PDB file of N, CA and C in Angstrom:
ATOM      1  N   MET A   1       7.525-118.376  42.802  1.00  0.00           N
ATOM      2  CA  MET A   1       8.776-118.492  43.535  1.00  0.00           C
ATOM      3  C   MET A   1       9.889-118.841  42.497  1.00  0.00           C
ATOM      4  N   ARG A   2      11.043-118.255  42.724  1.00  0.00           N
ATOM      5  CA  ARG A   2      12.166-118.488  41.855  1.00  0.00           C
ATOM      6  C   ARG A   2      12.815-119.826  42.186  1.00  0.00           C
ATOM      7  N   ILE A   3      13.358-120.494  41.157  1.00  0.00           N
ATOM      8  CA  ILE A   3      14.007-121.801  41.366  1.00  0.00           C
ATOM      9  C   ILE A   3      15.190-121.697  42.297  1.00  0.00           C
ATOM     10  N   ASP A   4      15.932-120.573  42.213  1.00  0.00           N
ATOM     11  CA  ASP A   4      17.097-120.414  43.105  1.00  0.00           C
ATOM     12  C   ASP A   4      16.684-120.364  44.560  1.00  0.00           C
ATOM     13  N   GLU A   5      15.601-119.690  44.878  1.00  0.00           N
ATOM     14  CA  GLU A   5      15.083-119.654  46.247  1.00  0.00           C
ATOM     15  C   GLU A   5      14.687-121.050  46.708  1.00  0.00           C
ATOM     16  N   TRP A   6      14.009-121.774  45.853  1.00  0.00           N
ATOM     17  CA  TRP A   6      13.578-123.144  46.196  1.00  0.00           C
ATOM     18  C   TRP A   6      14.831-124.003  46.395  1.00  0.00           C
ATOM     19  N   LEU A   7      15.769-123.899  45.484  1.00  0.00           N
ATOM     20  CA  LEU A   7      17.024-124.700  45.614  1.00  0.00           C
ATOM     21  C   LEU A   7      17.755-124.398  46.910  1.00  0.00           C
ATOM     22  N   ASP A   8      17.810-123.141  47.275  1.00  0.00           N
ATOM     23  CA  ASP A   8      18.495-122.754  48.511  1.00  0.00           C
ATOM     24  C   ASP A   8      17.887-123.473  49.708  1.00  0.00           C
ATOM     25  N   ARG A   9      16.597-123.729  49.687  1.00  0.00           N
ATOM     26  CA  ARG A   9      15.949-124.441  50.803  1.00  0.00           C
ATOM     27  C   ARG A   9      16.185-125.941  50.772  1.00  0.00           C
ATOM     28  N   GLN A  10      16.682-126.457  49.707  1.00  0.00           N
ATOM     29  CA  GLN A  10      16.893-127.911  49.576  1.00  0.00           C
ATOM     30  C   GLN A  10      18.243-128.311  50.113  1.00  0.00           C
ATOM     31  N   PHE A  11      19.028-127.325  50.541  1.00  0.00           N
ATOM     32  CA  PHE A  11      20.381-127.591  51.067  1.00  0.00           C
ATOM     33  C   PHE A  11      20.553-126.780  52.347  1.00  0.00           C
ATOM     34  N   ALA A  12      21.199-127.379  53.339  1.00  0.00           N
ATOM     35  CA  ALA A  12      21.427-126.718  54.622  1.00  0.00           C
ATOM     36  C   ALA A  12      22.917-126.724  54.930  1.00  0.00           C
ATOM     37  N   TYR A  13      23.456-125.540  55.277  1.00  0.00           N
ATOM     38  CA  TYR A  13      24.881-125.457  55.602  1.00  0.00           C
ATOM     39  C   TYR A  13      25.182-126.249  56.858  1.00  0.00           C
ATOM     40  N   SER A  14      26.197-127.084  56.791  1.00  0.00           N
ATOM     41  CA  SER A  14      26.644-127.878  57.930  1.00  0.00           C
ATOM     42  C   SER A  14      27.941-127.297  58.454  1.00  0.00           C
ATOM     43  N   GLU A  15      27.895-126.748  59.671  1.00  0.00           N
ATOM     44  CA  GLU A  15      29.114-126.230  60.310  1.00  0.00           C
ATOM     45  C   GLU A  15      30.131-127.335  60.452  1.00  0.00           C
ATOM     46  N   ARG A  16      29.709-128.520  60.775  1.00  0.00           N
ATOM     47  CA  ARG A  16      30.593-129.656  61.008  1.00  0.00           C
ATOM     48  C   ARG A  16      31.404-129.970  59.742  1.00  0.00           C
ATOM     49  N   HIS A  17      30.743-129.876  58.574  1.00  0.00           N
ATOM     50  CA  HIS A  17      31.394-130.285  57.330  1.00  0.00           C
ATOM     51  C   HIS A  17      31.880-129.107  56.500  1.00  0.00           C
ATOM     52  N   GLY A  18      31.409-127.901  56.774  1.00  0.00           N
ATOM     53  CA  GLY A  18      31.864-126.751  56.026  1.00  0.00           C
ATOM     54  C   GLY A  18      31.325-126.596  54.646  1.00  0.00           C
ATOM     55  N   ILE A  19      30.230-127.318  54.379  1.00  0.00           N
ATOM     56  CA  ILE A  19      29.554-127.198  53.076  1.00  0.00           C
ATOM     57  C   ILE A  19      28.043-127.359  53.342  1.00  0.00           C
ATOM     58  N   ALA A  20      27.254-127.019  52.310  1.00  0.00           N
ATOM     59  CA  ALA A  20      25.818-127.233  52.387  1.00  0.00           C
ATOM     60  C   ALA A  20      25.554-128.684  52.016  1.00  0.00           C
ATOM     61  N   LEU A  21      24.668-129.333  52.724  1.00  0.00           N
ATOM     62  CA  LEU A  21      24.282-130.709  52.470  1.00  0.00           C
ATOM     63  C   LEU A  21      22.793-130.809  52.085  1.00  0.00           C
ATOM     64  N   PRO A  22      22.438-131.806  51.336  1.00  0.00           N
ATOM     65  CA  PRO A  22      21.046-131.932  50.925  1.00  0.00           C
ATOM     66  C   PRO A  22      20.127-132.027  52.146  1.00  0.00           C
ATOM     67  N   ALA A  23      19.025-131.283  52.069  1.00  0.00           N
ATOM     68  CA  ALA A  23      17.997-131.280  53.094  1.00  0.00           C
ATOM     69  C   ALA A  23      16.660-131.136  52.387  1.00  0.00           C
ATOM     70  N   LEU A  24      16.359-132.113  51.563  1.00  0.00           N
ATOM     71  CA  LEU A  24      15.176-132.015  50.683  1.00  0.00           C
ATOM     72  C   LEU A  24      13.905-131.892  51.485  1.00  0.00           C
ATOM     73  N   GLU A  25      13.020-130.986  51.001  1.00  0.00           N
ATOM     74  CA  GLU A  25      11.749-130.795  51.671  1.00  0.00           C
ATOM     75  C   GLU A  25      10.752-131.919  51.331  1.00  0.00           C
ATOM     76  N   LYS A  26      10.982-132.578  50.236  1.00  0.00           N
ATOM     77  CA  LYS A  26      10.124-133.695  49.823  1.00  0.00           C
ATOM     78  C   LYS A  26      11.011-134.904  49.530  1.00  0.00           C
ATOM     79  N   ASP A  27      10.392-136.071  49.484  1.00  0.00           N
ATOM     80  CA  ASP A  27      11.128-137.266  49.065  1.00  0.00           C
ATOM     81  C   ASP A  27      11.553-137.078  47.599  1.00  0.00           C
ATOM     82  N   TRP A  28      12.687-137.665  47.237  1.00  0.00           N
ATOM     83  CA  TRP A  28      13.245-137.553  45.910  1.00  0.00           C
ATOM     84  C   TRP A  28      12.232-137.914  44.841  1.00  0.00           C
ATOM     85  N   GLU A  29      11.491-138.986  45.053  1.00  0.00           N
ATOM     86  CA  GLU A  29      10.530-139.475  44.061  1.00  0.00           C
ATOM     87  C   GLU A  29       9.375-138.503  43.852  1.00  0.00           C
ATOM     88  N   GLU A  30       9.128-137.614  44.849  1.00  0.00           N
ATOM     89  CA  GLU A  30       8.042-136.637  44.746  1.00  0.00           C
ATOM     90  C   GLU A  30       8.437-135.421  43.947  1.00  0.00           C
ATOM     91  N   LEU A  31       9.712-135.231  43.689  1.00  0.00           N
ATOM     92  CA  LEU A  31      10.173-134.076  42.920  1.00  0.00           C
ATOM     93  C   LEU A  31       9.949-134.297  41.419  1.00  0.00           C
ATOM     94  N   THR A  32       9.614-133.219  40.710  1.00  0.00           N
ATOM     95  CA  THR A  32       9.492-133.296  39.258  1.00  0.00           C
ATOM     96  C   THR A  32      10.859-133.573  38.684  1.00  0.00           C
ATOM     97  N   PRO A  33      10.913-134.111  37.483  1.00  0.00           N
ATOM     98  CA  PRO A  33      12.201-134.327  36.835  1.00  0.00           C
ATOM     99  C   PRO A  33      13.007-133.025  36.705  1.00  0.00           C
ATOM    100  N   GLU A  34      12.335-131.904  36.463  1.00  0.00           N
ATOM    101  CA  GLU A  34      13.038-130.632  36.375  1.00  0.00           C
ATOM    102  C   GLU A  34      13.666-130.239  37.713  1.00  0.00           C
ATOM    103  N   CYS A  35      12.926-130.464  38.782  1.00  0.00           N
ATOM    104  CA  CYS A  35      13.445-130.167  40.116  1.00  0.00           C
ATOM    105  C   CYS A  35      14.613-131.097  40.465  1.00  0.00           C
ATOM    106  N   GLN A  36      14.485-132.372  40.117  1.00  0.00           N
ATOM    107  CA  GLN A  36      15.570-133.311  40.352  1.00  0.00           C
ATOM    108  C   GLN A  36      16.854-132.880  39.621  1.00  0.00           C
ATOM    109  N   ILE A  37      16.705-132.450  38.365  1.00  0.00           N
ATOM    110  CA  ILE A  37      17.870-131.982  37.608  1.00  0.00           C
ATOM    111  C   ILE A  37      18.485-130.760  38.270  1.00  0.00           C
ATOM    112  N   ALA A  38      17.664-129.835  38.722  1.00  0.00           N
ATOM    113  CA  ALA A  38      18.158-128.628  39.380  1.00  0.00           C
ATOM    114  C   ALA A  38      18.915-128.989  40.680  1.00  0.00           C
ATOM    115  N   VAL A  39      18.347-129.915  41.463  1.00  0.00           N
ATOM    116  CA  VAL A  39      19.027-130.333  42.691  1.00  0.00           C
ATOM    117  C   VAL A  39      20.343-131.013  42.393  1.00  0.00           C
ATOM    118  N   ILE A  40      20.355-131.863  41.400  1.00  0.00           N
ATOM    119  CA  ILE A  40      21.594-132.552  41.025  1.00  0.00           C
ATOM    120  C   ILE A  40      22.659-131.541  40.554  1.00  0.00           C
ATOM    121  N   ALA A  41      22.257-130.576  39.762  1.00  0.00           N
ATOM    122  CA  ALA A  41      23.207-129.559  39.289  1.00  0.00           C
ATOM    123  C   ALA A  41      23.800-128.774  40.472  1.00  0.00           C
ATOM    124  N   ARG A  42      22.930-128.389  41.411  1.00  0.00           N
ATOM    125  CA  ARG A  42      23.426-127.634  42.587  1.00  0.00           C
ATOM    126  C   ARG A  42      24.344-128.525  43.408  1.00  0.00           C
ATOM    127  N   TRP A  43      23.925-129.796  43.607  1.00  0.00           N
ATOM    128  CA  TRP A  43      24.764-130.709  44.390  1.00  0.00           C
ATOM    129  C   TRP A  43      26.127-130.911  43.738  1.00  0.00           C
ATOM    130  N   GLU A  44      26.179-131.015  42.431  1.00  0.00           N
ATOM    131  CA  GLU A  44      27.456-131.224  41.737  1.00  0.00           C
ATOM    132  C   GLU A  44      28.399-130.050  41.980  1.00  0.00           C
ATOM    133  N   THR A  45      27.836-128.828  42.039  1.00  0.00           N
ATOM    134  CA  THR A  45      28.632-127.655  42.336  1.00  0.00           C
ATOM    135  C   THR A  45      29.195-127.733  43.756  1.00  0.00           C
ATOM    136  N   ILE A  46      28.337-128.074  44.687  1.00  0.00           N
ATOM    137  CA  ILE A  46      28.739-128.188  46.082  1.00  0.00           C
ATOM    138  C   ILE A  46      29.735-129.336  46.231  1.00  0.00           C
ATOM    139  N   ARG A  47      29.427-130.441  45.633  1.00  0.00           N
ATOM    140  CA  ARG A  47      30.287-131.658  45.707  1.00  0.00           C
ATOM    141  C   ARG A  47      31.657-131.360  45.234  1.00  0.00           C
ATOM    142  N   GLY A  48      31.824-130.463  44.273  1.00  0.00           N
ATOM    143  CA  GLY A  48      33.106-130.117  43.763  1.00  0.00           C
ATOM    144  C   GLY A  48      34.021-129.463  44.776  1.00  0.00           C
ATOM    145  N   ARG A  49      33.445-128.951  45.830  1.00  0.00           N
ATOM    146  CA  ARG A  49      34.241-128.302  46.883  1.00  0.00           C
ATOM    147  C   ARG A  49      34.710-129.265  47.964  1.00  0.00           C
ATOM    148  N   ILE A  50      34.201-130.476  47.939  1.00  0.00           N
ATOM    149  CA  ILE A  50      34.527-131.426  49.000  1.00  0.00           C
ATOM    150  C   ILE A  50      36.012-131.773  49.061  1.00  0.00           C
ATOM    151  N   PRO A  51      36.725-132.006  47.939  1.00  0.00           N
ATOM    152  CA  PRO A  51      38.141-132.301  48.057  1.00  0.00           C
ATOM    153  C   PRO A  51      38.934-131.190  48.764  1.00  0.00           C
ATOM    154  N   ASP A  52      38.578-129.942  48.529  1.00  0.00           N
ATOM    155  CA  ASP A  52      39.285-128.863  49.231  1.00  0.00           C
ATOM    156  C   ASP A  52      38.990-128.865  50.695  1.00  0.00           C
ATOM    157  N   ARG A  53      37.747-129.199  51.089  1.00  0.00           N
ATOM    158  CA  ARG A  53      37.375-129.286  52.493  1.00  0.00           C
ATOM    159  C   ARG A  53      38.160-130.440  53.159  1.00  0.00           C
ATOM    160  N   ILE A  54      38.253-131.555  52.493  1.00  0.00           N
ATOM    161  CA  ILE A  54      39.013-132.685  53.008  1.00  0.00           C
ATOM    162  C   ILE A  54      40.465-132.335  53.202  1.00  0.00           C
ATOM    163  N   PHE A  55      41.056-131.662  52.213  1.00  0.00           N
ATOM    164  CA  PHE A  55      42.458-131.254  52.332  1.00  0.00           C
ATOM    165  C   PHE A  55      42.651-130.333  53.546  1.00  0.00           C
ATOM    166  N   ALA A  56      41.757-129.366  53.750  1.00  0.00           N
ATOM    167  CA  ALA A  56      41.862-128.462  54.904  1.00  0.00           C
ATOM    168  C   ALA A  56      41.775-129.240  56.230  1.00  0.00           C
ATOM    169  N   LEU A  57      40.867-130.218  56.285  1.00  0.00           N
ATOM    170  CA  LEU A  57      40.712-131.012  57.520  1.00  0.00           C
ATOM    171  C   LEU A  57      41.946-131.885  57.742  1.00  0.00           C
ATOM    172  N   GLU A  58      42.504-132.423  56.649  1.00  0.00           N
ATOM    173  CA  GLU A  58      43.747-133.208  56.776  1.00  0.00           C
ATOM    174  C   GLU A  58      44.908-132.373  57.306  1.00  0.00           C
ATOM    175  N   GLU A  59      44.954-131.133  56.860  1.00  0.00           N
ATOM    176  CA  GLU A  59      45.987-130.214  57.363  1.00  0.00           C
ATOM    177  C   GLU A  59      45.774-129.927  58.860  1.00  0.00           C
ATOM    178  N   ALA A  60      44.513-129.764  59.236  1.00  0.00           N
ATOM    179  CA  ALA A  60      44.233-129.537  60.665  1.00  0.00           C
ATOM    180  C   ALA A  60      44.655-130.756  61.509  1.00  0.00           C
ATOM    181  N   ILE A  61      44.465-131.947  60.940  1.00  0.00           N
ATOM    182  CA  ILE A  61      44.917-133.198  61.613  1.00  0.00           C
ATOM    183  C   ILE A  61      46.422-133.164  61.766  1.00  0.00           C
ATOM    184  N   ARG A  62      47.131-132.794  60.739  1.00  0.00           N
ATOM    185  CA  ARG A  62      48.610-132.781  60.808  1.00  0.00           C
ATOM    186  C   ARG A  62      49.056-131.827  61.899  1.00  0.00           C
ATOM    187  N   VAL A  63      48.427-130.672  62.012  1.00  0.00           N
ATOM    188  CA  VAL A  63      48.764-129.701  63.068  1.00  0.00           C
ATOM    189  C   VAL A  63      48.539-130.328  64.437  1.00  0.00           C
ATOM    190  N   LYS A  64      47.364-130.961  64.590  1.00  0.00           N
ATOM    191  CA  LYS A  64      47.040-131.584  65.901  1.00  0.00           C
ATOM    192  C   LYS A  64      48.005-132.720  66.217  1.00  0.00           C
ATOM    193  N   GLN A  65      48.417-133.485  65.191  1.00  0.00           N
ATOM    194  CA  GLN A  65      49.351-134.570  65.415  1.00  0.00           C
ATOM    195  C   GLN A  65      50.718-134.027  65.885  1.00  0.00           C
ATOM    196  N   ARG A  66      51.121-132.902  65.334  1.00  0.00           N
ATOM    197  CA  ARG A  66      52.379-132.278  65.827  1.00  0.00           C
ATOM    198  C   ARG A  66      52.224-131.842  67.260  1.00  0.00           C
ATOM    199  N   LEU A  67      51.085-131.266  67.620  1.00  0.00           N
ATOM    200  CA  LEU A  67      50.835-130.882  69.011  1.00  0.00           C
ATOM    201  C   LEU A  67      50.835-132.116  69.916  1.00  0.00           C
ATOM    202  N   LEU A  68      50.192-133.166  69.462  1.00  0.00           N
ATOM    203  CA  LEU A  68      50.105-134.370  70.250  1.00  0.00           C
ATOM    204  C   LEU A  68      51.497-134.965  70.515  1.00  0.00           C
ATOM    205  N   PHE A  69      52.329-134.945  69.516  1.00  0.00           N
ATOM    206  CA  PHE A  69      53.712-135.471  69.634  1.00  0.00           C
ATOM    207  C   PHE A  69      54.480-134.735  70.721  1.00  0.00           C
ATOM    208  N   GLU A  70      54.224-133.429  70.846  1.00  0.00           N
ATOM    209  CA  GLU A  70      54.980-132.592  71.803  1.00  0.00           C
ATOM    210  C   GLU A  70      54.276-132.515  73.167  1.00  0.00           C
ATOM    211  N   GLU A  71      53.003-132.907  73.263  1.00  0.00           N
ATOM    212  CA  GLU A  71      52.261-132.790  74.516  1.00  0.00           C
ATOM    213  C   GLU A  71      52.679-133.818  75.549  1.00  0.00           C
ATOM    214  N   GLU A  72      52.920-133.347  76.775  1.00  0.00           N
ATOM    215  CA  GLU A  72      53.323-134.238  77.864  1.00  0.00           C
ATOM    216  C   GLU A  72      52.186-134.511  78.844  1.00  0.00           C
ATOM    217  N   ASP A  73      51.215-133.617  78.925  1.00  0.00           N
ATOM    218  CA  ASP A  73      50.098-133.743  79.816  1.00  0.00           C
ATOM    219  C   ASP A  73      49.076-134.757  79.266  1.00  0.00           C
ATOM    220  N   PHE A  74      48.773-135.776  80.069  1.00  0.00           N
ATOM    221  CA  PHE A  74      47.857-136.865  79.563  1.00  0.00           C
ATOM    222  C   PHE A  74      46.497-136.315  79.209  1.00  0.00           C
ATOM    223  N   ALA A  75      45.890-135.506  80.059  1.00  0.00           N
ATOM    224  CA  ALA A  75      44.558-134.982  79.777  1.00  0.00           C
ATOM    225  C   ALA A  75      44.553-134.127  78.512  1.00  0.00           C
ATOM    226  N   SER A  76      45.558-133.347  78.315  1.00  0.00           N
ATOM    227  CA  SER A  76      45.662-132.531  77.095  1.00  0.00           C
ATOM    228  C   SER A  76      45.849-133.459  75.878  1.00  0.00           C
ATOM    229  N   SER A  77      46.655-134.509  76.033  1.00  0.00           N
ATOM    230  CA  SER A  77      46.824-135.476  74.935  1.00  0.00           C
ATOM    231  C   SER A  77      45.506-136.132  74.540  1.00  0.00           C
ATOM    232  N   CYS A  78      44.706-136.455  75.545  1.00  0.00           N
ATOM    233  CA  CYS A  78      43.407-137.064  75.289  1.00  0.00           C
ATOM    234  C   CYS A  78      42.499-136.092  74.509  1.00  0.00           C
ATOM    235  N   ARG A  79      42.500-134.816  74.886  1.00  0.00           N
ATOM    236  CA  ARG A  79      41.692-133.821  74.204  1.00  0.00           C
ATOM    237  C   ARG A  79      42.165-133.687  72.743  1.00  0.00           C
ATOM    238  N   ILE A  80      43.423-133.606  72.537  1.00  0.00           N
ATOM    239  CA  ILE A  80      43.979-133.479  71.152  1.00  0.00           C
ATOM    240  C   ILE A  80      43.616-134.728  70.347  1.00  0.00           C
ATOM    241  N   ASN A  81      43.783-135.870  70.957  1.00  0.00           N
ATOM    242  CA  ASN A  81      43.419-137.116  70.279  1.00  0.00           C
ATOM    243  C   ASN A  81      41.953-137.135  69.920  1.00  0.00           C
ATOM    244  N   GLY A  82      41.113-136.636  70.781  1.00  0.00           N
ATOM    245  CA  GLY A  82      39.668-136.562  70.514  1.00  0.00           C
ATOM    246  C   GLY A  82      39.402-135.585  69.353  1.00  0.00           C
ATOM    247  N   ASP A  83      40.139-134.483  69.317  1.00  0.00           N
ATOM    248  CA  ASP A  83      39.991-133.524  68.206  1.00  0.00           C
ATOM    249  C   ASP A  83      40.388-134.186  66.895  1.00  0.00           C
ATOM    250  N   ILE A  84      41.473-134.961  66.899  1.00  0.00           N
ATOM    251  CA  ILE A  84      41.904-135.657  65.720  1.00  0.00           C
ATOM    252  C   ILE A  84      40.842-136.649  65.239  1.00  0.00           C
ATOM    253  N   ALA A  85      40.253-137.388  66.167  1.00  0.00           N
ATOM    254  CA  ALA A  85      39.187-138.348  65.849  1.00  0.00           C
ATOM    255  C   ALA A  85      37.999-137.638  65.240  1.00  0.00           C
ATOM    256  N   ASP A  86      37.627-136.471  65.801  1.00  0.00           N
ATOM    257  CA  ASP A  86      36.505-135.728  65.251  1.00  0.00           C
ATOM    258  C   ASP A  86      36.792-135.271  63.825  1.00  0.00           C
ATOM    259  N   LEU A  87      37.986-134.738  63.585  1.00  0.00           N
ATOM    260  CA  LEU A  87      38.368-134.291  62.252  1.00  0.00           C
ATOM    261  C   LEU A  87      38.354-135.455  61.275  1.00  0.00           C
ATOM    262  N   ALA A  88      38.842-136.614  61.683  1.00  0.00           N
ATOM    263  CA  ALA A  88      38.849-137.810  60.867  1.00  0.00           C
ATOM    264  C   ALA A  88      37.429-138.253  60.537  1.00  0.00           C
ATOM    265  N   SER A  89      36.534-138.128  61.520  1.00  0.00           N
ATOM    266  CA  SER A  89      35.117-138.498  61.313  1.00  0.00           C
ATOM    267  C   SER A  89      34.493-137.553  60.269  1.00  0.00           C
ATOM    268  N   ARG A  90      34.843-136.264  60.319  1.00  0.00           N
ATOM    269  CA  ARG A  90      34.329-135.314  59.323  1.00  0.00           C
ATOM    270  C   ARG A  90      34.795-135.685  57.925  1.00  0.00           C
ATOM    271  N   ILE A  91      36.096-136.061  57.825  1.00  0.00           N
ATOM    272  CA  ILE A  91      36.646-136.463  56.536  1.00  0.00           C
ATOM    273  C   ILE A  91      35.908-137.691  56.027  1.00  0.00           C
ATOM    274  N   ASN A  92      35.635-138.654  56.893  1.00  0.00           N
ATOM    275  CA  ASN A  92      34.908-139.838  56.501  1.00  0.00           C
ATOM    276  C   ASN A  92      33.510-139.468  55.975  1.00  0.00           C
ATOM    277  N   ASP A  93      32.813-138.589  56.713  1.00  0.00           N
ATOM    278  CA  ASP A  93      31.490-138.145  56.256  1.00  0.00           C
ATOM    279  C   ASP A  93      31.581-137.492  54.888  1.00  0.00           C
ATOM    280  N   LEU A  94      32.594-136.604  54.692  1.00  0.00           N
ATOM    281  CA  LEU A  94      32.716-135.938  53.409  1.00  0.00           C
ATOM    282  C   LEU A  94      33.022-136.889  52.291  1.00  0.00           C
ATOM    283  N   ASN A  95      33.818-137.916  52.563  1.00  0.00           N
ATOM    284  CA  ASN A  95      34.068-138.930  51.555  1.00  0.00           C
ATOM    285  C   ASN A  95      32.777-139.623  51.141  1.00  0.00           C
ATOM    286  N   ILE A  96      31.906-139.919  52.111  1.00  0.00           N
ATOM    287  CA  ILE A  96      30.637-140.537  51.809  1.00  0.00           C
ATOM    288  C   ILE A  96      29.783-139.581  50.963  1.00  0.00           C
ATOM    289  N   TRP A  97      29.734-138.313  51.384  1.00  0.00           N
ATOM    290  CA  TRP A  97      28.979-137.313  50.627  1.00  0.00           C
ATOM    291  C   TRP A  97      29.542-137.115  49.220  1.00  0.00           C
ATOM    292  N   PHE A  98      30.849-137.201  49.077  1.00  0.00           N
ATOM    293  CA  PHE A  98      31.457-137.051  47.763  1.00  0.00           C
ATOM    294  C   PHE A  98      31.019-138.137  46.809  1.00  0.00           C
ATOM    295  N   ARG A  99      30.829-139.342  47.336  1.00  0.00           N
ATOM    296  CA  ARG A  99      30.354-140.445  46.530  1.00  0.00           C
ATOM    297  C   ARG A  99      28.862-140.399  46.227  1.00  0.00           C
ATOM    298  N   THR A 100      28.146-139.516  46.957  1.00  0.00           N
ATOM    299  CA  THR A 100      26.691-139.400  46.789  1.00  0.00           C
ATOM    300  C   THR A 100      26.434-138.531  45.574  1.00  0.00           C
ATOM    301  N   ARG A 101      25.844-139.101  44.563  1.00  0.00           N
ATOM    302  CA  ARG A 101      25.553-138.337  43.351  1.00  0.00           C
ATOM    303  C   ARG A 101      24.058-138.123  43.220  1.00  0.00           C
ATOM    304  N   GLN A 102      23.425-138.920  42.409  1.00  0.00           N
ATOM    305  CA  GLN A 102      22.012-138.686  42.146  1.00  0.00           C
ATOM    306  C   GLN A 102      21.078-139.182  43.226  1.00  0.00           C
ATOM    307  N   GLU A 103      21.582-140.017  44.093  1.00  0.00           N
ATOM    308  CA  GLU A 103      20.744-140.566  45.156  1.00  0.00           C
ATOM    309  C   GLU A 103      20.791-139.640  46.357  1.00  0.00           C
ATOM    310  N   LEU A 104      19.999-138.573  46.333  1.00  0.00           N
ATOM    311  CA  LEU A 104      19.963-137.601  47.399  1.00  0.00           C
ATOM    312  C   LEU A 104      18.803-137.855  48.347  1.00  0.00           C
ATOM    313  N   GLU A 105      18.357-139.102  48.404  1.00  0.00           N
ATOM    314  CA  GLU A 105      17.261-139.446  49.264  1.00  0.00           C
ATOM    315  C   GLU A 105      17.680-139.337  50.739  1.00  0.00           C
ATOM    316  N   PRO A 106      16.772-138.953  51.630  1.00  0.00           N
ATOM    317  CA  PRO A 106      17.134-138.858  53.059  1.00  0.00           C
ATOM    318  C   PRO A 106      17.680-140.148  53.634  1.00  0.00           C
ATOM    319  N   SER A 107      17.230-141.291  53.155  1.00  0.00           N
ATOM    320  CA  SER A 107      17.705-142.524  53.701  1.00  0.00           C
ATOM    321  C   SER A 107      19.144-142.839  53.327  1.00  0.00           C
ATOM    322  N   ALA A 108      19.683-142.131  52.319  1.00  0.00           N
ATOM    323  CA  ALA A 108      21.051-142.404  51.861  1.00  0.00           C
ATOM    324  C   ALA A 108      22.057-141.453  52.537  1.00  0.00           C
ATOM    325  N   LYS A 109      21.593-140.599  53.395  1.00  0.00           N
ATOM    326  CA  LYS A 109      22.490-139.589  54.002  1.00  0.00           C
ATOM    327  C   LYS A 109      23.249-140.125  55.200  1.00  0.00           C
ATOM    328  N   PRO A 110      24.588-139.799  55.298  1.00  0.00           N
ATOM    329  CA  PRO A 110      25.306-140.127  56.553  1.00  0.00           C
ATOM    330  C   PRO A 110      24.878-139.126  57.609  1.00  0.00           C
ATOM    331  N   HIS A 111      25.299-139.353  58.840  1.00  0.00           N
ATOM    332  CA  HIS A 111      24.857-138.478  59.922  1.00  0.00           C
ATOM    333  C   HIS A 111      25.391-137.078  59.726  1.00  0.00           C
ATOM    334  N   ASN A 112      24.616-136.117  60.148  1.00  0.00           N
ATOM    335  CA  ASN A 112      24.972-134.675  59.962  1.00  0.00           C
ATOM    336  C   ASN A 112      25.460-134.061  61.246  1.00  0.00           C
ATOM    337  N   GLY A 113      25.609-134.833  62.287  1.00  0.00           N
ATOM    338  CA  GLY A 113      26.057-134.396  63.592  1.00  0.00           C
ATOM    339  C   GLY A 113      26.649-133.093  63.762  1.00  0.00           C
TER     340      GLY A 113
END
């Protein structure tokens, strides 16, 4: 099996976050040092995209805030406010993932909701 195929299985795309997140098949300690290095290298590439994802989500929040400011219907305002909270939650998750470097253990992961 090629290392790229194996690495692809160690990460799962998250629709919620817009990036692939670690989904290791084995515990971190069970991986060989070579596999750990490969996972870290792949993660660093993915991790480098997080600031752009955060920026896009922040822009989506700004759009929703403008809609909320103009909305007069209470139920619609509640929905927009809920959308804003969801986007903010995604940003929070991405900030946690951005700070996650070599510790890709399952116990260190924020929720993937």
